[in-house]
Amino acid sequence: MRKALLLPLTAALALLAAAPRELLTRPTAAAAPQQGRGRSCGTAAPDPARMAEAESSFQKFQQTRGKKTAGAFAIPVYFHVISAGAGIDNGDVPDQQLRAQVKVLNEAYAGATGGTATPFRFELAGIDRTTNADWFYMGILSIQERQAKAALRKGGPESLNIYTTFGGGYLGWATFPNSYHAQPTQDGVVIDYTSVPGGSFYPYNEGDTGTHEVGHWLGLYHTFQNGCTPDNDYVDDTAAEAGPAFGCPVGRDSCTKSSYPGTDPVFNFMDYTDDPCMFEFTAGQSSRMEGMFALYRKP
């Protein structure tokens, strides 16, 4: 088993800020991401009205299917390594670290780390490399992101395109399945190149930024998405959580009312805890991802 449960981290780590790394105007090519600021995901959920509309469509689809499932899915993975120049300090991630990232995805989604086995398997389909400093420092919804994805993306809705960059101020971000039809060229996952297995961004360098962002790509929200509400993250078997958890606060219970039982899901891949703390998806999350894939991504 790759993961092990950790004791709570020091008080200093527990108080890490939720804010993302500073958005730099133009760092030098060799600049390293700032360490120790807490996990930061740039994936934004739709506004409440659009979220409710999307959820209604999904639930209708699930009811129509009944107990039917679409079986196992083999997802082709295309890596687009975007760098500012030669060498790992400029973002030129070696092939071996990308293969290790695919291994991490397969372990996490197969339940090998301790969670529920999902129907997804990941197969490396290709690696390409682009030296472009403007794209390397791209931000979310920037013209540079649009240009890079339009130029590099491969495959159909079932194909996972992962772009490694400086991170744009975040560890990563992703698109949701229901956005593919409207913007197919923008579909995919962006991750900070230092977050892949063996990267330098401790304690986020075991590859679970990739695991987390692929969860969004497959239709999951953050476990704390709607706070202490009945909707929560629209998954029945993840306990409600008032806000993101950092470090590894075992036993944290931020929604204490009796109507929201259970301690916070700090071991879940869709929270904000450190990579060594994350090790599971739930059965409900697996079912949601399978349904989302069948509705929006199955070729």
Foldseek 3Di string as FASTA:
>chain_A
DPFDADDFDDPLLQPAAAFFFDQDPADDLLDATDARRFAYEPADDDPPVVNVVVVVVLVVLCVVCPPDFPAADEAEEEEEQEFQDDDVSGRPDDPVLVVLLLVVLQCQCCCVLPAHHFRYHYDYDYYDYHHDSPLQLDAPPDPSLLVVLLPDDDDFLRYAYEYEHQASRHQKYAAALVCCVVPVSNHHIYGHSQQGAPRDHPLRNPNLVVVQRVLRNLPWAAQARPAQDPCRGVFDPFFHHRAAGEAAHPQAARRPDPVGDDHHPSQDSRGGYGPSSHRYDHPRSSVSSRSSCVVRPDD
